[in-house]
Amino acid sequence: MATAKSLRSPLFIPFLLLASCLSSANGEKFKANVTIANGLAYGFYRYTCPQVEFIVRKYLMQVYRRDVGQAAGILRLHSHDCFVQGCDGSVLLDRSPERTELPNLSLRPQSFEIIETLRQIVHSQCGRVVSCSDLLTLAARDAVFFTGGLDYAVPLGRRDGVTFPRINQTFEDLVAPTAKTTEILTKFARKDLNLVDTVALSGAHSIGIAHCITFEERLFPDRDPTMEVSLFNSLRQVCPAPGATAPVWLDFRSPNRFDNLYYIDLMNRQGIFTSDQDLFEDPRTRPTVISFAANQRLFFRNFAIAMTKMGIVDVLTDGQGEIRGRCSMRNSDVNDLESVVEQDLGPSSSASI
C-alpha cells in the first residue's frame, strides 16, 4: 500500500510517442453523441486561438511527465467545479465559499497553479479570449489522455462566472466519500447524469489518492464487511488509528494509469471509499460495474460521454459571465485591487517633458 514517500512519480512517455501526443491535440478524437449547450461548439476558438488545444497539451505533457499525480488533481478540480454552480470556474476563485468549504480544502494547490499558468501562456499567445473554465475542461481531458484514457473532443465556449455559490452549496452538491449509491444517484440526476454516467464518472478514481480520514469509518472500530480482508489489513497498517491522514492509492493495481481495473477492485471488494464500493453492492449499479470491468473500451467511451455531459452543466456562454484576466479573481475584483494599489502609491511623480 502506498505511503506519502512513494506517491510522487513521473509519467514515462516513450520519446517516439511525444510527437504523436502533441500532434493529436488538434486531430481526430472521439466525439460523444451529446446535445451540447447553446453557445458551445467544437472548434470554438478556431479563429481567435486555433492552437489552444496544442498549447494546453504541450504544457501539460511537461507537467505530467514530472509528476503524473497532478493529473488526478486536475480531474478532481474540474468535477468539483462543475457540480457546484456549473462549469464556470467558480472553484478557482480565492474569495469563494466554494474554495474554502471542507470538501474542497483537500484540492491540490498545484492544480490551481497549473490552471493559472496555462491561462498566462494561452493569453500571452492569443490575448484574453479563452476562459479559465475552458482551460480547466481541456486540462481535465488531457489528464485522462496522458494517463492512458481515451482522447475525446471537448466543446468549448464557456465563460467564467462572476457570482459565488451560496454557503453550504458545496456540501449539498458534492458526493461525500461516505455516501451510498442512492444519494449518489440522486445528486448526479440533479445534473442530468444518469446511472451509467454515474458509474462511469466514478471511474475517475482509477487514478489519485485518498487520505485515511476520508474512509476511516470502514476501518474502525471494526472492518466494514464489504471490504476484503487483506485490503483491510494493509490499510490498518497505514491508518493505525482514527484521524490518521496518510495517503493511499485509490486503485492499488495501477495507481497512475487510467484504466478499468478500478471496477475489478470493486468486484473484489477492494474499493477504498464507501461511495466506490457501494456501486458494486447495490443491485442497480452492479451490472454496469461488471460490464466496465469486463470491457475497458466500453468504459472509456462511456466515460468520455459522461465527461462531456458533466462539462456542459449550467455553463455560461455568449454574453454571460466574463473571460477572467486572472483565474483566481473576478475582473471587477482585479480592478478594485488595482485602484486600491494606485491610491496607496499616490499620484505619479513622473515629470512631463
Foldseek 3Di string as FASTA:
>chain_A
DDWPVPQFDFQDDPPVCPVVQLVCQLPDFAEAPDDFDPFWAFQPCCPQQVCLSSLLSVVVNVVRRRGLQVLLLLLVLQLLCCQFLHLALLCLAPPALSVVDDVNVPRDPVNSVSLQVSLVVRCVVRNLDAASSQSSLSSNLSSQVSQAFGRHTAIDFFAHADDHGDHCSSVVQDDALADAPVSQQVSVVVQVAHLLLSLLQVLSLLEHKAFCQSAVVCQPPHHNVLADDVLNVVVCVQVVDHPGGIIDRQQVVRHSHRWLVNLVCLVVSNGRGNHSNNLCVDPVNVVSSVVCNVDGVVSRSSNSNSSNSSNRGNTDGDPHHHRDPGSHDGPVVVVVVVVVVDVVVDDDPDDDD
